[in-house]
Amino acid sequence: MDKENQSRHISKQFDNELEEIRNRVLAMGGLVEQQLAKAVAALVEPDIEMAEEVIRDDYKVNAMEVALDEECTSVLARRQPAARDLRLVISVIKTITDLERIGDEAKRIARQAIDLASLPTKKNQFVDLERLGQHVCTMLRDALDAFARLDVEQALDVAIEDQKVDQEYESLMRQQMTYLIEDPRTIPATLDIMWSARALERVGDRSCNICEYVIYQVKGKDIRHISLDQVEKDFGRK
């Protein structure tokens, strides 16, 4: 095999490795998305068995993160990627960290669901929490879709949705505070709901992080400490 063909062969092997890593990230994302959806459902129904399943399956998310992290480290050492390939590997390392932490938040919500199942609550106390949970689940799905398609426009849309999630979270917290004041008997349940809402708000933040990594991978631009208005201007959306 001459040098040109050998170089082409090595390049093809490397491309296949990177594609395999991307596919494994999406598989991990699918599992995390499933874990989050189950945790939210277990919380609002409530469903202790489903909550226990979320807690039990968290190890799968952790194992996928460790395996992917090891693979990325191996690629960096063996291939010494540059430019866009390097950005891809860096983005993957950061993305799987956020996915693992979203998995942790799902487990936290599941634990709150088990506690809440045995506590007295008001009739409408879960309405806004369920809405917030559905919104955050959609954000995570859209963030993973942006990662899969390297879609900068969709990534920016998810970042905008995070602002709406923050507003919903603040509104929910004000509502729960009124329950604390009006009926002391609901204090234990209300605190669990507030902690669950906080976990969901963090999932929104981490979904937004994943979209920032997509933009970094495609554009080579780090937008973590730039205002959303400025980012939209930079990308010609305003």
Protein backbone atom coordinates (compact mmCIF):
# COMPACT_ATOMS: atom_id res chain seq x y z
CA MET A 1 0.00 0.00 0.00
CA ASP A 2 1.51 3.34 -1.06
CA LYS A 3 1.60 6.31 1.31
CA GLU A 4 -1.39 8.05 -0.28
CA ASN A 5 -3.62 4.98 0.00
CA GLN A 6 -2.39 4.28 3.51
CA SER A 7 -3.19 7.83 4.56
CA ARG A 8 -6.66 7.55 3.03
CA HIS A 9 -7.21 4.23 4.82
CA ILE A 10 -6.17 5.67 8.19
CA SER A 11 -8.38 8.71 7.63
CA LYS A 12 -11.35 6.44 6.87
CA GLN A 13 -10.71 4.43 10.01
CA PHE A 14 -10.61 7.63 12.05
CA ASP A 15 -13.86 8.88 10.51
CA ASN A 16 -15.50 5.57 11.42
CA GLU A 17 -14.24 5.86 15.00
CA LEU A 18 -15.65 9.38 15.35
CA GLU A 19 -18.99 8.31 13.89
CA GLU A 20 -19.16 5.39 16.30
CA ILE A 21 -18.49 7.75 19.21
CA ARG A 22 -21.27 10.10 18.04
CA ASN A 23 -23.69 7.19 17.78
CA ARG A 24 -22.83 6.04 21.28
CA VAL A 25 -23.40 9.55 22.63
CA LEU A 26 -26.85 9.54 21.04
CA ALA A 27 -27.56 6.13 22.56
CA MET A 28 -26.57 7.50 25.97
CA GLY A 29 -28.74 10.55 25.33
CA GLY A 30 -31.69 8.31 24.48
CA LEU A 31 -31.30 6.44 27.75
CA VAL A 32 -31.03 9.68 29.75
CA GLU A 33 -34.10 11.08 27.98
CA GLN A 34 -36.00 7.91 28.91
CA GLN A 35 -34.83 8.14 32.52
CA LEU A 36 -35.99 11.75 32.78
CA ALA A 37 -39.40 11.06 31.25
CA LYS A 38 -39.96 8.14 33.64
CA ALA A 39 -38.88 10.23 36.64
CA VAL A 40 -41.33 13.00 35.76
CA ALA A 41 -44.14 10.51 35.23
CA ALA A 42 -43.35 8.76 38.53
CA LEU A 43 -43.46 12.13 40.27
CA VAL A 44 -46.84 13.36 39.03
CA GLU A 45 -48.79 10.08 38.95
CA PRO A 46 -47.27 8.98 41.50
CA ASP A 47 -45.65 5.63 40.63
CA ILE A 48 -43.22 4.18 43.16
CA GLU A 49 -42.33 1.18 40.99
CA MET A 50 -41.35 3.43 38.09
CA ALA A 51 -39.34 5.69 40.40
CA GLU A 52 -37.44 2.68 41.73
CA GLU A 53 -36.73 1.61 38.15
CA VAL A 54 -35.18 5.01 37.40
CA ILE A 55 -32.97 4.76 40.47
CA ARG A 56 -31.97 1.19 39.65
CA ASP A 57 -31.05 1.99 36.03
CA ASP A 58 -28.88 5.01 36.81
CA TYR A 59 -25.78 2.79 36.79
CA LYS A 60 -26.29 2.24 33.05
CA VAL A 61 -25.90 5.96 32.39
CA ASN A 62 -22.77 6.10 34.54
CA ALA A 63 -21.25 3.10 32.76
CA MET A 64 -21.86 4.66 29.35
CA GLU A 65 -20.21 7.90 30.43
CA VAL A 66 -17.11 6.09 31.71
CA ALA A 67 -16.79 4.00 28.54
CA LEU A 68 -17.19 7.00 26.25
CA ASP A 69 -14.76 9.08 28.26
CA GLU A 70 -12.16 6.32 28.00
CA GLU A 71 -12.72 6.06 24.24
CA CYS A 72 -12.34 9.82 23.78
CA THR A 73 -9.12 9.79 25.81
CA SER A 74 -7.82 6.96 23.64
CA VAL A 75 -8.68 8.88 20.45
CA LEU A 76 -6.88 11.97 21.69
CA ALA A 77 -3.77 9.94 22.50
CA ARG A 78 -3.71 7.80 19.33
CA ARG A 79 -5.01 10.17 16.68
CA GLN A 80 -4.01 13.59 17.99
CA PRO A 81 -6.97 15.20 16.16
CA ALA A 82 -6.92 18.82 15.03
CA ALA A 83 -9.42 21.50 14.03
CA ARG A 84 -12.99 20.23 13.65
CA ASP A 85 -12.17 16.65 14.70
CA LEU A 86 -10.64 17.95 17.91
CA ARG A 87 -13.70 20.11 18.56
CA LEU A 88 -15.91 17.06 18.07
CA VAL A 89 -14.03 15.02 20.67
CA ILE A 90 -14.00 17.91 23.15
CA SER A 91 -17.72 18.47 22.58
CA VAL A 92 -18.42 14.79 23.18
CA ILE A 93 -16.46 14.78 26.46
CA LYS A 94 -18.42 17.79 27.70
CA THR A 95 -21.76 16.48 26.42
CA ILE A 96 -21.49 13.11 28.16
CA THR A 97 -20.63 14.87 31.41
CA ASP A 98 -23.84 16.90 31.19
CA LEU A 99 -25.84 13.84 30.20
CA GLU A 100 -24.55 11.94 33.22
CA ARG A 101 -25.55 14.82 35.46
CA ILE A 102 -29.00 14.95 33.89
CA GLY A 103 -29.23 11.27 34.77
CA ASP A 104 -28.36 12.18 38.35
CA GLU A 105 -31.13 14.79 38.37
CA ALA A 106 -33.59 12.17 37.08
CA LYS A 107 -32.56 9.86 39.93
CA ARG A 108 -33.01 12.73 42.39
CA ILE A 109 -36.52 13.40 41.07
CA ALA A 110 -37.33 9.69 41.35
CA ARG A 111 -36.33 9.71 45.01
CA GLN A 112 -38.56 12.72 45.62
CA ALA A 113 -41.38 10.84 43.88
CA ILE A 114 -41.06 7.98 46.36
CA ASP A 115 -41.18 10.42 49.29
CA LEU A 116 -44.17 12.31 47.86
CA ALA A 117 -46.21 9.15 47.35
CA SER A 118 -46.79 8.92 51.09
CA LEU A 119 -47.31 12.64 51.82
CA PRO A 120 -50.52 14.73 51.77
CA THR A 121 -50.67 17.18 48.88
CA LYS A 122 -53.15 19.69 47.47
CA LYS A 123 -55.22 18.76 44.42
CA ASN A 124 -53.55 21.15 41.95
CA GLN A 125 -50.08 21.12 43.44
CA PHE A 126 -48.55 19.09 40.59
CA VAL A 127 -50.07 20.90 37.59
CA ASP A 128 -47.26 23.40 37.03
CA LEU A 129 -44.62 20.82 37.96
CA GLU A 130 -45.90 18.45 35.27
CA ARG A 131 -45.87 21.30 32.72
CA LEU A 132 -42.29 22.20 33.67
CA GLY A 133 -41.26 18.55 33.43
CA GLN A 134 -42.72 18.17 29.95
CA HIS A 135 -41.07 21.40 28.80
CA VAL A 136 -37.66 20.25 30.05
CA CYS A 137 -38.07 16.80 28.47
CA THR A 138 -38.76 18.52 25.14
CA MET A 139 -35.68 20.71 25.61
CA LEU A 140 -33.46 17.68 26.16
CA ARG A 141 -34.89 15.90 23.12
CA ASP A 142 -34.35 18.97 20.94
CA ALA A 143 -30.80 19.42 22.26
CA LEU A 144 -29.97 15.82 21.35
CA ASP A 145 -31.55 16.31 17.95
CA ALA A 146 -29.39 19.41 17.41
CA PHE A 147 -26.35 17.33 18.39
CA ALA A 148 -27.31 14.54 15.98
CA ARG A 149 -27.84 16.88 13.03
CA LEU A 150 -25.22 19.50 14.01
CA ASP A 151 -28.03 22.04 13.70
CA VAL A 152 -26.90 25.45 14.98
CA GLU A 153 -30.33 27.03 14.43
CA GLN A 154 -32.05 24.42 16.57
CA ALA A 155 -29.34 24.73 19.19
CA LEU A 156 -30.08 28.45 19.45
CA ASP A 157 -33.81 27.74 19.70
CA VAL A 158 -33.18 25.46 22.69
CA ALA A 159 -31.17 28.21 24.37
CA ILE A 160 -34.17 30.51 24.00
CA GLU A 161 -36.43 27.85 25.51
CA ASP A 162 -34.18 27.75 28.57
CA GLN A 163 -35.21 31.32 29.37
CA LYS A 164 -38.86 30.23 29.31
CA VAL A 165 -38.07 27.28 31.58
CA ASP A 166 -36.44 29.66 34.05
CA GLN A 167 -39.60 31.79 34.06
CA GLU A 168 -41.81 28.73 34.61
CA TYR A 169 -39.54 27.61 37.45
CA GLU A 170 -39.73 30.98 39.20
CA SER A 171 -43.52 31.04 38.85
CA LEU A 172 -43.80 27.52 40.26
CA MET A 173 -41.61 28.39 43.24
CA ARG A 174 -43.78 31.41 44.06
CA GLN A 175 -46.87 29.23 43.88
CA GLN A 176 -45.37 26.58 46.17
CA MET A 177 -44.42 29.28 48.69
CA THR A 178 -48.11 30.18 49.00
CA TYR A 179 -48.88 26.56 49.88
CA LEU A 180 -46.21 26.67 52.59
CA ILE A 181 -47.83 29.75 54.11
CA GLU A 182 -51.46 28.68 53.74
CA ASP A 183 -51.27 25.11 55.03
CA PRO A 184 -48.36 23.93 57.23
CA ARG A 185 -49.51 20.34 56.71
CA THR A 186 -48.23 20.49 53.12
CA ILE A 187 -44.72 21.61 54.10
CA PRO A 188 -42.96 18.21 53.62
CA ALA A 189 -44.61 17.60 50.24
CA THR A 190 -44.12 21.18 49.10
CA LEU A 191 -40.41 21.06 49.89
CA ASP A 192 -40.07 17.84 47.86
CA ILE A 193 -41.89 19.49 44.95
CA MET A 194 -39.61 22.52 45.16
CA TRP A 195 -36.50 20.33 45.13
CA SER A 196 -37.89 18.43 42.14
CA ALA A 197 -38.56 21.69 40.32
CA ARG A 198 -35.00 22.77 41.02
CA ALA A 199 -33.72 19.50 39.53
CA LEU A 200 -35.81 20.09 36.40
CA GLU A 201 -34.50 23.63 36.07
CA ARG A 202 -30.96 22.25 36.18
CA VAL A 203 -31.82 19.76 33.44
CA GLY A 204 -32.87 22.73 31.32
CA ASP A 205 -29.53 24.39 31.98
CA ARG A 206 -27.60 21.25 31.04
CA SER A 207 -29.66 20.80 27.86
CA CYS A 208 -28.67 24.36 26.99
CA ASN A 209 -25.03 23.44 27.66
CA ILE A 210 -25.26 20.61 25.12
CA CYS A 211 -26.46 23.11 22.53
CA GLU A 212 -23.53 25.39 23.31
CA TYR A 213 -21.20 22.47 22.55
CA VAL A 214 -22.98 21.92 19.23
CA ILE A 215 -22.32 25.54 18.28
CA TYR A 216 -18.69 25.21 19.37
CA GLN A 217 -18.28 22.05 17.31
CA VAL A 218 -19.78 23.52 14.15
CA LYS A 219 -18.66 27.14 14.36
CA GLY A 220 -15.59 26.91 16.59
CA LYS A 221 -17.10 29.64 18.78
CA ASP A 222 -17.42 29.42 22.56
CA ILE A 223 -20.67 31.18 23.55
CA ARG A 224 -20.81 30.14 27.20
CA HIS A 225 -20.27 33.63 28.60
CA ILE A 226 -21.96 35.65 25.86
CA SER A 227 -25.50 36.98 26.19
CA LEU A 228 -28.15 35.25 24.11
CA ASP A 229 -29.02 38.52 22.35
CA GLN A 230 -25.39 38.93 21.29
CA VAL A 231 -25.19 35.33 20.10
CA GLU A 232 -28.29 35.78 17.95
CA LYS A 233 -26.80 38.95 16.46
CA ASP A 234 -23.52 37.17 15.75
CA PHE A 235 -25.36 34.44 13.87
CA GLY A 236 -27.55 36.84 11.92
CA ARG A 237 -30.83 36.12 13.70
CA LYS A 238 -31.41 39.74 14.79
